[in-house]
Amino acid sequence: MLTGVTPLAAWAKCDKKPTKPDTLYQEVAGSQGAEVRDPTSHLVWQRCLVGKQWDAAAQQCTGAAKKMSWQAAMTLPPSAGQGVASRWRLPSYIELLTLVDLNCSGPAVNARWFGDSDASYLWSSSSYEQLADYAWGLKYARGEIIYDSKVEEFQARLVRFAD
C-alpha cells in the first residue's frame, strides 16, 4: 500500500444496505479497470477524477484531481479521460445522480468503484436555469445536488455512453 493513501474502507460509511452494490458495476473490457460500466443507466464512467490516473497494479487512483471552473470543465477534450475511448464528456446532473447512494456517506457513492478520497464537489454539464452564471454540481460526500457560480473551481468525473 502507498504511504499517505487512506484505504477506502476507512472512510466510506454505509448505514444501511447500499443501493449501489459492487455487483451493479462492471469493469469495461480492455480498460484495465480505468472505466466502469453501469448496465442500468447504460453509462460508462471514468473511475478516477480528471487529473488522476488509474493504477491497475495498485487498484486505485493516483495523482491529484484537478479543480477547474465550469467553463474549463465543459471544454475538456473528448480524449481527456484515461481509457480506450475518446468520447468523454462532462455528465448532466441527472447522470451524476445515477452514481449517488444515499445509504452511504463520505462518499455517497460506491466507494469500491468511485472512491476518490479527495473528491469534494463535481461539476455537471447542466446550467442552473434561473441564474445563467450558475451550474449544477454534486457534493460528493453527501450525494447532494447543488448549484454554484460557474467561476468556482470544482472537480470533474467524465462519462460516455456505453457502446
N, C-alpha and C. Protein backbone atom coordinates (compact mmCIF):
# COMPACT_ATOMS: atom_id res chain seq x y z
N MET A 1 0.84 -1.18 0.00
CA MET A 1 0.00 0.00 0.00
C MET A 1 0.89 1.24 0.00
N LEU A 2 0.43 2.28 -0.69
CA LEU A 2 1.19 3.52 -0.77
C LEU A 2 1.07 4.30 0.52
N THR A 3 2.14 4.98 0.91
CA THR A 3 2.12 5.82 2.09
C THR A 3 1.25 7.03 1.83
N GLY A 4 0.45 7.42 2.80
CA GLY A 4 -0.38 8.61 2.67
C GLY A 4 -1.69 8.38 1.94
N VAL A 5 -1.99 7.15 1.56
CA VAL A 5 -3.25 6.84 0.89
C VAL A 5 -4.17 6.18 1.91
N THR A 6 -5.35 6.74 2.12
CA THR A 6 -6.30 6.20 3.07
C THR A 6 -7.09 5.07 2.42
N PRO A 7 -7.11 3.89 3.00
CA PRO A 7 -7.91 2.81 2.44
C PRO A 7 -9.38 3.22 2.39
N LEU A 8 -10.07 2.86 1.31
CA LEU A 8 -11.46 3.27 1.14
C LEU A 8 -12.33 2.82 2.30
N ALA A 9 -12.12 1.64 2.80
CA ALA A 9 -12.95 1.14 3.89
C ALA A 9 -12.82 1.99 5.14
N ALA A 10 -11.75 2.75 5.27
CA ALA A 10 -11.53 3.56 6.46
C ALA A 10 -12.37 4.83 6.46
N TRP A 11 -12.86 5.25 5.29
CA TRP A 11 -13.61 6.49 5.28
C TRP A 11 -14.98 6.40 4.64
N ALA A 12 -15.29 5.37 3.89
CA ALA A 12 -16.62 5.20 3.31
C ALA A 12 -17.51 4.52 4.34
N LYS A 13 -18.73 5.04 4.51
CA LYS A 13 -19.62 4.51 5.53
C LYS A 13 -21.02 4.35 4.95
N CYS A 14 -21.58 3.16 5.09
CA CYS A 14 -22.96 2.91 4.68
C CYS A 14 -23.74 2.50 5.92
N ASP A 15 -24.76 3.29 6.28
CA ASP A 15 -25.58 2.99 7.45
C ASP A 15 -26.57 1.86 7.19
N LYS A 16 -26.97 1.72 5.94
CA LYS A 16 -27.92 0.68 5.55
C LYS A 16 -27.32 -0.09 4.39
N LYS A 17 -28.06 -1.06 3.91
CA LYS A 17 -27.62 -1.82 2.75
C LYS A 17 -27.47 -0.87 1.57
N PRO A 18 -26.29 -0.85 0.91
CA PRO A 18 -26.09 0.07 -0.21
C PRO A 18 -27.08 -0.18 -1.34
N THR A 19 -27.55 0.90 -1.95
CA THR A 19 -28.44 0.79 -3.11
C THR A 19 -27.64 0.66 -4.40
N LYS A 20 -26.34 0.90 -4.34
CA LYS A 20 -25.44 0.76 -5.49
C LYS A 20 -24.34 -0.24 -5.12
N PRO A 21 -24.68 -1.54 -4.99
CA PRO A 21 -23.70 -2.53 -4.55
C PRO A 21 -22.59 -2.74 -5.58
N ASP A 22 -21.49 -3.32 -5.13
CA ASP A 22 -20.35 -3.60 -6.01
C ASP A 22 -20.77 -4.35 -7.26
N THR A 23 -21.74 -5.25 -7.11
CA THR A 23 -22.16 -6.10 -8.23
C THR A 23 -22.93 -5.35 -9.30
N LEU A 24 -23.38 -4.13 -9.01
CA LEU A 24 -24.09 -3.33 -10.01
C LEU A 24 -23.18 -2.93 -11.17
N TYR A 25 -21.92 -2.67 -10.86
CA TYR A 25 -20.99 -2.13 -11.84
C TYR A 25 -20.11 -3.22 -12.45
N GLN A 26 -19.60 -2.91 -13.64
CA GLN A 26 -18.73 -3.84 -14.34
C GLN A 26 -17.52 -3.10 -14.88
N GLU A 27 -16.37 -3.72 -14.76
CA GLU A 27 -15.16 -3.17 -15.38
C GLU A 27 -15.30 -3.31 -16.90
N VAL A 28 -14.96 -2.25 -17.62
CA VAL A 28 -15.02 -2.29 -19.08
C VAL A 28 -13.82 -3.08 -19.60
N ALA A 29 -14.10 -4.07 -20.43
CA ALA A 29 -13.04 -4.91 -21.00
C ALA A 29 -12.03 -4.04 -21.74
N GLY A 30 -10.76 -4.31 -21.53
CA GLY A 30 -9.69 -3.58 -22.19
C GLY A 30 -9.28 -2.30 -21.50
N SER A 31 -9.98 -1.90 -20.45
CA SER A 31 -9.66 -0.64 -19.78
C SER A 31 -8.71 -0.83 -18.59
N GLN A 32 -8.40 -2.05 -18.23
CA GLN A 32 -7.56 -2.39 -17.08
C GLN A 32 -8.12 -1.80 -15.78
N GLY A 33 -9.44 -1.61 -15.74
CA GLY A 33 -10.09 -1.10 -14.53
C GLY A 33 -10.32 0.39 -14.51
N ALA A 34 -9.85 1.11 -15.51
CA ALA A 34 -9.97 2.57 -15.53
C ALA A 34 -11.38 3.04 -15.88
N GLU A 35 -12.18 2.16 -16.47
CA GLU A 35 -13.54 2.50 -16.88
C GLU A 35 -14.53 1.55 -16.23
N VAL A 36 -15.67 2.10 -15.82
CA VAL A 36 -16.69 1.34 -15.12
C VAL A 36 -18.02 1.52 -15.83
N ARG A 37 -18.67 0.39 -16.14
CA ARG A 37 -19.96 0.41 -16.82
C ARG A 37 -21.08 0.21 -15.83
N ASP A 38 -22.11 1.02 -15.96
CA ASP A 38 -23.34 0.86 -15.20
C ASP A 38 -24.39 0.34 -16.17
N PRO A 39 -24.70 -0.97 -16.13
CA PRO A 39 -25.65 -1.53 -17.09
C PRO A 39 -27.07 -1.00 -16.93
N THR A 40 -27.39 -0.44 -15.78
CA THR A 40 -28.72 0.11 -15.56
C THR A 40 -28.91 1.42 -16.33
N SER A 41 -27.93 2.31 -16.23
CA SER A 41 -28.03 3.61 -16.90
C SER A 41 -27.43 3.60 -18.31
N HIS A 42 -26.70 2.54 -18.65
CA HIS A 42 -26.01 2.42 -19.94
C HIS A 42 -24.93 3.50 -20.10
N LEU A 43 -24.33 3.86 -18.98
CA LEU A 43 -23.24 4.84 -18.99
C LEU A 43 -21.94 4.15 -18.61
N VAL A 44 -20.85 4.69 -19.13
CA VAL A 44 -19.51 4.26 -18.76
C VAL A 44 -18.84 5.46 -18.11
N TRP A 45 -18.29 5.26 -16.93
CA TRP A 45 -17.67 6.32 -16.14
C TRP A 45 -16.16 6.14 -16.07
N GLN A 46 -15.45 7.25 -16.02
CA GLN A 46 -14.05 7.21 -15.66
C GLN A 46 -14.00 6.88 -14.17
N ARG A 47 -13.18 5.96 -13.82
CA ARG A 47 -13.07 5.57 -12.41
C ARG A 47 -12.42 6.67 -11.58
N CYS A 48 -11.52 7.41 -12.20
CA CYS A 48 -10.78 8.46 -11.49
C CYS A 48 -11.26 9.85 -11.92
N LEU A 49 -11.10 10.79 -11.03
CA LEU A 49 -11.39 12.18 -11.35
C LEU A 49 -10.39 12.70 -12.38
N VAL A 50 -10.78 13.72 -13.13
CA VAL A 50 -9.87 14.33 -14.10
C VAL A 50 -8.61 14.79 -13.37
N GLY A 51 -7.46 14.45 -13.93
CA GLY A 51 -6.18 14.77 -13.33
C GLY A 51 -5.51 13.57 -12.68
N LYS A 52 -6.31 12.58 -12.31
CA LYS A 52 -5.78 11.36 -11.72
C LYS A 52 -5.68 10.28 -12.78
N GLN A 53 -4.92 9.25 -12.46
CA GLN A 53 -4.75 8.10 -13.35
C GLN A 53 -5.04 6.83 -12.57
N TRP A 54 -5.63 5.85 -13.26
CA TRP A 54 -5.89 4.56 -12.64
C TRP A 54 -4.62 3.73 -12.65
N ASP A 55 -4.22 3.24 -11.49
CA ASP A 55 -3.08 2.35 -11.35
C ASP A 55 -3.64 0.94 -11.19
N ALA A 56 -3.60 0.17 -12.27
CA ALA A 56 -4.20 -1.17 -12.26
C ALA A 56 -3.52 -2.09 -11.25
N ALA A 57 -2.21 -1.96 -11.10
CA ALA A 57 -1.48 -2.83 -10.17
C ALA A 57 -1.90 -2.55 -8.72
N ALA A 58 -2.02 -1.28 -8.38
CA ALA A 58 -2.39 -0.90 -7.02
C ALA A 58 -3.91 -0.88 -6.81
N GLN A 59 -4.68 -0.97 -7.90
CA GLN A 59 -6.13 -0.93 -7.84
C GLN A 59 -6.65 0.34 -7.16
N GLN A 60 -6.09 1.49 -7.59
CA GLN A 60 -6.55 2.77 -7.04
C GLN A 60 -6.15 3.91 -7.97
N CYS A 61 -6.80 5.04 -7.76
CA CYS A 61 -6.47 6.25 -8.50
C CYS A 61 -5.26 6.91 -7.84
N THR A 62 -4.35 7.40 -8.67
CA THR A 62 -3.16 8.08 -8.16
C THR A 62 -3.05 9.46 -8.78
N GLY A 63 -2.26 10.30 -8.16
CA GLY A 63 -2.08 11.66 -8.66
C GLY A 63 -3.04 12.61 -7.96
N ALA A 64 -3.18 13.78 -8.52
CA ALA A 64 -4.01 14.82 -7.91
C ALA A 64 -5.16 15.20 -8.84
N ALA A 65 -6.35 15.26 -8.28
CA ALA A 65 -7.51 15.69 -9.05
C ALA A 65 -7.39 17.18 -9.36
N LYS A 66 -7.76 17.55 -10.57
CA LYS A 66 -7.72 18.95 -10.98
C LYS A 66 -9.01 19.63 -10.56
N LYS A 67 -8.89 20.87 -10.11
CA LYS A 67 -10.05 21.72 -9.87
C LYS A 67 -10.09 22.73 -11.00
N MET A 68 -11.29 23.01 -11.48
CA MET A 68 -11.42 23.91 -12.62
C MET A 68 -12.78 24.58 -12.60
N SER A 69 -12.87 25.69 -13.32
CA SER A 69 -14.15 26.37 -13.47
C SER A 69 -15.08 25.51 -14.32
N TRP A 70 -16.35 25.86 -14.33
CA TRP A 70 -17.32 25.12 -15.13
C TRP A 70 -16.96 25.20 -16.61
N GLN A 71 -16.58 26.40 -17.07
CA GLN A 71 -16.23 26.56 -18.49
C GLN A 71 -15.04 25.68 -18.86
N ALA A 72 -14.04 25.62 -18.01
CA ALA A 72 -12.87 24.76 -18.28
C ALA A 72 -13.30 23.29 -18.32
N ALA A 73 -14.18 22.90 -17.42
CA ALA A 73 -14.66 21.52 -17.40
C ALA A 73 -15.48 21.21 -18.66
N MET A 74 -16.24 22.17 -19.13
CA MET A 74 -17.06 21.96 -20.32
C MET A 74 -16.21 21.85 -21.59
N THR A 75 -15.02 22.40 -21.55
CA THR A 75 -14.18 22.38 -22.75
C THR A 75 -13.06 21.33 -22.67
N LEU A 76 -13.16 20.41 -21.70
CA LEU A 76 -12.20 19.32 -21.66
C LEU A 76 -12.29 18.56 -22.98
N PRO A 77 -11.16 18.22 -23.57
CA PRO A 77 -11.24 17.49 -24.83
C PRO A 77 -11.82 16.09 -24.62
N PRO A 78 -12.50 15.54 -25.63
CA PRO A 78 -13.09 14.20 -25.51
C PRO A 78 -12.06 13.14 -25.17
N SER A 79 -10.79 13.41 -25.42
CA SER A 79 -9.74 12.43 -25.12
C SER A 79 -9.13 12.66 -23.74
N ALA A 80 -9.72 13.56 -22.94
CA ALA A 80 -9.15 13.89 -21.63
C ALA A 80 -9.20 12.72 -20.66
N GLY A 81 -10.10 11.81 -20.87
CA GLY A 81 -10.22 10.68 -19.98
C GLY A 81 -9.17 9.62 -20.25
N GLN A 82 -8.90 8.83 -19.23
CA GLN A 82 -8.00 7.69 -19.36
C GLN A 82 -8.82 6.53 -19.87
N GLY A 83 -8.28 5.73 -20.75
CA GLY A 83 -9.00 4.55 -21.19
C GLY A 83 -9.00 4.40 -22.69
N VAL A 84 -9.84 3.51 -23.18
CA VAL A 84 -9.81 3.13 -24.59
C VAL A 84 -10.66 4.04 -25.47
N ALA A 85 -11.58 4.78 -24.92
CA ALA A 85 -12.48 5.58 -25.75
C ALA A 85 -12.07 7.04 -25.74
N SER A 86 -12.55 7.78 -26.73
CA SER A 86 -12.24 9.21 -26.78
C SER A 86 -13.51 10.04 -26.90
N ARG A 87 -14.60 9.55 -26.33
CA ARG A 87 -15.88 10.26 -26.40
C ARG A 87 -16.30 10.75 -25.02
N TRP A 88 -15.36 11.10 -24.20
CA TRP A 88 -15.66 11.51 -22.84
C TRP A 88 -16.25 12.90 -22.81
N ARG A 89 -17.12 13.13 -21.84
CA ARG A 89 -17.77 14.44 -21.67
C ARG A 89 -18.15 14.62 -20.21
N LEU A 90 -18.50 15.84 -19.87
CA LEU A 90 -18.99 16.14 -18.54
C LEU A 90 -20.44 15.63 -18.44
N PRO A 91 -20.80 14.93 -17.36
CA PRO A 91 -22.17 14.41 -17.26
C PRO A 91 -23.18 15.49 -16.90
N SER A 92 -24.43 15.25 -17.24
CA SER A 92 -25.52 16.11 -16.77
C SER A 92 -25.72 15.84 -15.27
N TYR A 93 -26.47 16.71 -14.60
CA TYR A 93 -26.69 16.45 -13.17
C TYR A 93 -27.56 15.21 -12.98
N ILE A 94 -28.44 14.92 -13.92
CA ILE A 94 -29.24 13.70 -13.84
C ILE A 94 -28.33 12.47 -13.92
N GLU A 95 -27.34 12.52 -14.80
CA GLU A 95 -26.39 11.40 -14.90
C GLU A 95 -25.56 11.27 -13.63
N LEU A 96 -25.13 12.39 -13.05
CA LEU A 96 -24.40 12.33 -11.78
C LEU A 96 -25.23 11.65 -10.69
N LEU A 97 -26.52 11.93 -10.70
CA LEU A 97 -27.40 11.33 -9.69
C LEU A 97 -27.44 9.81 -9.78
N THR A 98 -27.15 9.25 -10.95
CA THR A 98 -27.16 7.78 -11.06
C THR A 98 -26.05 7.14 -10.25
N LEU A 99 -25.05 7.92 -9.85
CA LEU A 99 -23.95 7.40 -9.02
C LEU A 99 -24.28 7.43 -7.53
N VAL A 100 -25.21 8.27 -7.13
CA VAL A 100 -25.46 8.55 -5.72
C VAL A 100 -26.13 7.37 -5.01
N ASP A 101 -25.61 7.05 -3.83
CA ASP A 101 -26.18 6.06 -2.93
C ASP A 101 -26.41 6.76 -1.60
N LEU A 102 -27.64 7.16 -1.33
CA LEU A 102 -27.94 7.93 -0.13
C LEU A 102 -27.86 7.12 1.15
N ASN A 103 -27.66 5.81 1.04
CA ASN A 103 -27.44 5.00 2.23
C ASN A 103 -25.98 5.07 2.68
N CYS A 104 -25.14 5.73 1.89
CA CYS A 104 -23.72 5.85 2.20
C CYS A 104 -23.33 7.32 2.30
N SER A 105 -22.23 7.56 2.98
CA SER A 105 -21.70 8.93 3.04
C SER A 105 -20.19 8.87 3.14
N GLY A 106 -19.56 9.96 2.72
CA GLY A 106 -18.12 10.08 2.78
C GLY A 106 -17.36 9.07 1.95
N PRO A 107 -17.71 8.75 0.72
CA PRO A 107 -18.61 9.41 -0.21
C PRO A 107 -19.99 8.73 -0.29
N ALA A 108 -20.93 9.44 -0.90
CA ALA A 108 -22.28 8.91 -1.09
C ALA A 108 -22.39 8.22 -2.45
N VAL A 109 -21.39 7.41 -2.76
CA VAL A 109 -21.33 6.62 -3.98
C VAL A 109 -20.71 5.28 -3.61
N ASN A 110 -20.65 4.36 -4.54
CA ASN A 110 -19.98 3.09 -4.29
C ASN A 110 -18.48 3.35 -4.19
N ALA A 111 -17.93 3.22 -3.01
CA ALA A 111 -16.53 3.57 -2.76
C ALA A 111 -15.55 2.62 -3.44
N ARG A 112 -15.96 1.40 -3.69
CA ARG A 112 -15.05 0.46 -4.37
C ARG A 112 -14.77 0.94 -5.80
N TRP A 113 -15.79 1.40 -6.47
CA TRP A 113 -15.65 1.79 -7.87
C TRP A 113 -15.33 3.28 -8.07
N PHE A 114 -15.83 4.14 -7.18
CA PHE A 114 -15.68 5.59 -7.37
C PHE A 114 -15.20 6.27 -6.10
N GLY A 115 -14.28 5.65 -5.40
CA GLY A 115 -13.90 6.11 -4.08
C GLY A 115 -12.74 7.07 -4.00
N ASP A 116 -12.69 8.08 -4.84
CA ASP A 116 -11.61 9.07 -4.73
C ASP A 116 -11.71 9.77 -3.38
N SER A 117 -10.72 9.55 -2.51
CA SER A 117 -10.79 10.09 -1.15
C SER A 117 -10.68 11.61 -1.11
N ASP A 118 -10.21 12.23 -2.19
CA ASP A 118 -10.10 13.69 -2.20
C ASP A 118 -11.21 14.35 -3.01
N ALA A 119 -12.22 13.59 -3.42
CA ALA A 119 -13.33 14.18 -4.16
C ALA A 119 -14.15 15.07 -3.24
N SER A 120 -14.55 16.22 -3.74
CA SER A 120 -15.35 17.13 -2.93
C SER A 120 -16.62 17.53 -3.69
N TYR A 121 -16.49 18.41 -4.64
CA TYR A 121 -17.61 18.85 -5.45
C TYR A 121 -17.30 18.56 -6.92
N LEU A 122 -18.28 18.01 -7.63
CA LEU A 122 -18.09 17.67 -9.04
C LEU A 122 -19.02 18.52 -9.89
N TRP A 123 -18.51 19.03 -11.00
CA TRP A 123 -19.33 19.78 -11.95
C TRP A 123 -20.21 18.84 -12.76
N SER A 124 -21.38 19.32 -13.15
CA SER A 124 -22.19 18.67 -14.18
C SER A 124 -22.18 19.61 -15.39
N SER A 125 -22.70 19.13 -16.50
CA SER A 125 -22.79 19.96 -17.70
C SER A 125 -24.04 20.83 -17.69
N SER A 126 -24.86 20.69 -16.67
CA SER A 126 -26.16 21.36 -16.62
C SER A 126 -26.08 22.75 -16.00
N SER A 127 -26.48 23.75 -16.77
CA SER A 127 -26.59 25.11 -16.24
C SER A 127 -27.80 25.20 -15.32
N TYR A 128 -27.71 26.11 -14.36
CA TYR A 128 -28.85 26.38 -13.48
C TYR A 128 -29.77 27.33 -14.23
N GLU A 129 -31.00 26.90 -14.47
CA GLU A 129 -31.91 27.63 -15.35
C GLU A 129 -32.24 29.04 -14.87
N GLN A 130 -32.27 29.27 -13.57
CA GLN A 130 -32.70 30.56 -13.04
C GLN A 130 -31.59 31.59 -12.95
N LEU A 131 -30.34 31.15 -13.00
CA LEU A 131 -29.20 32.06 -12.95
C LEU A 131 -28.18 31.61 -13.99
N ALA A 132 -28.01 32.38 -15.03
CA ALA A 132 -27.17 31.99 -16.17
C ALA A 132 -25.71 31.76 -15.78
N ASP A 133 -25.23 32.40 -14.73
CA ASP A 133 -23.84 32.27 -14.33
C ASP A 133 -23.61 31.13 -13.32
N TYR A 134 -24.61 30.27 -13.16
CA TYR A 134 -24.52 29.17 -12.20
C TYR A 134 -24.74 27.84 -12.92
N ALA A 135 -24.20 26.78 -12.34
CA ALA A 135 -24.39 25.43 -12.88
C ALA A 135 -24.58 24.45 -11.73
N TRP A 136 -25.14 23.30 -12.07
CA TRP A 136 -25.39 22.25 -11.09
C TRP A 136 -24.12 21.42 -10.87
N GLY A 137 -24.00 20.91 -9.66
CA GLY A 137 -22.89 20.05 -9.31
C GLY A 137 -23.32 19.03 -8.27
N LEU A 138 -22.40 18.19 -7.87
CA LEU A 138 -22.67 17.14 -6.88
C LEU A 138 -21.72 17.30 -5.71
N LYS A 139 -22.29 17.39 -4.51
CA LYS A 139 -21.50 17.35 -3.28
C LYS A 139 -21.22 15.88 -2.99
N TYR A 140 -20.01 15.46 -3.24
CA TYR A 140 -19.64 14.05 -3.28
C TYR A 140 -19.85 13.32 -1.96
N ALA A 141 -19.52 13.94 -0.85
CA ALA A 141 -19.58 13.26 0.44
C ALA A 141 -21.01 12.89 0.84
N ARG A 142 -21.97 13.75 0.50
CA ARG A 142 -23.35 13.53 0.95
C ARG A 142 -24.32 13.19 -0.17
N GLY A 143 -23.87 13.28 -1.43
CA GLY A 143 -24.74 12.95 -2.54
C GLY A 143 -25.78 14.01 -2.85
N GLU A 144 -25.48 15.24 -2.48
CA GLU A 144 -26.43 16.33 -2.69
C GLU A 144 -26.15 17.06 -4.00
N ILE A 145 -27.20 17.33 -4.75
CA ILE A 145 -27.06 18.16 -5.94
C ILE A 145 -27.14 19.61 -5.48
N ILE A 146 -26.17 20.38 -5.90
CA ILE A 146 -26.06 21.78 -5.52
C ILE A 146 -25.88 22.62 -6.77
N TYR A 147 -26.01 23.92 -6.65
CA TYR A 147 -25.63 24.81 -7.75
C TYR A 147 -24.70 25.87 -7.20
N ASP A 148 -23.80 26.34 -8.06
CA ASP A 148 -22.82 27.33 -7.64
C ASP A 148 -22.39 28.13 -8.86
N SER A 149 -21.68 29.20 -8.59
CA SER A 149 -21.18 30.06 -9.65
C SER A 149 -20.24 29.29 -10.57
N LYS A 150 -20.35 29.52 -11.86
CA LYS A 150 -19.53 28.83 -12.84
C LYS A 150 -18.04 29.18 -12.74
N VAL A 151 -17.70 30.22 -11.98
CA VAL A 151 -16.28 30.57 -11.83
C VAL A 151 -15.63 29.82 -10.66
N GLU A 152 -16.45 29.18 -9.82
CA GLU A 152 -15.90 28.36 -8.74
C GLU A 152 -15.11 27.21 -9.35
N GLU A 153 -14.19 26.66 -8.58
CA GLU A 153 -13.38 25.54 -9.08
C GLU A 153 -13.80 24.26 -8.39
N PHE A 154 -14.38 23.37 -9.19
CA PHE A 154 -14.80 22.05 -8.74
C PHE A 154 -13.99 21.01 -9.51
N GLN A 155 -14.18 19.76 -9.15
CA GLN A 155 -13.55 18.64 -9.84
C GLN A 155 -14.51 18.10 -10.90
N ALA A 156 -14.03 17.14 -11.69
CA ALA A 156 -14.87 16.56 -12.74
C ALA A 156 -14.60 15.07 -12.87
N ARG A 157 -15.66 14.33 -13.13
CA ARG A 157 -15.58 12.91 -13.49
C ARG A 157 -16.26 12.79 -14.84
N LEU A 158 -15.59 12.20 -15.80
CA LEU A 158 -16.10 12.12 -17.16
C LEU A 158 -16.94 10.86 -17.39
N VAL A 159 -17.82 10.95 -18.37
CA VAL A 159 -18.73 9.87 -18.70
C VAL A 159 -18.86 9.76 -20.20
N ARG A 160 -19.33 8.62 -20.66
CA ARG A 160 -19.68 8.43 -22.06
C ARG A 160 -20.78 7.39 -22.11
N PHE A 161 -21.46 7.30 -23.24
CA PHE A 161 -22.47 6.27 -23.41
C PHE A 161 -21.78 4.94 -23.69
N ALA A 162 -22.36 3.87 -23.17
CA ALA A 162 -21.83 2.53 -23.43
C ALA A 162 -21.98 2.19 -24.91
N ASP A 163 -21.05 1.42 -25.42
CA ASP A 163 -21.11 1.01 -26.83
C ASP A 163 -22.26 0.07 -27.08
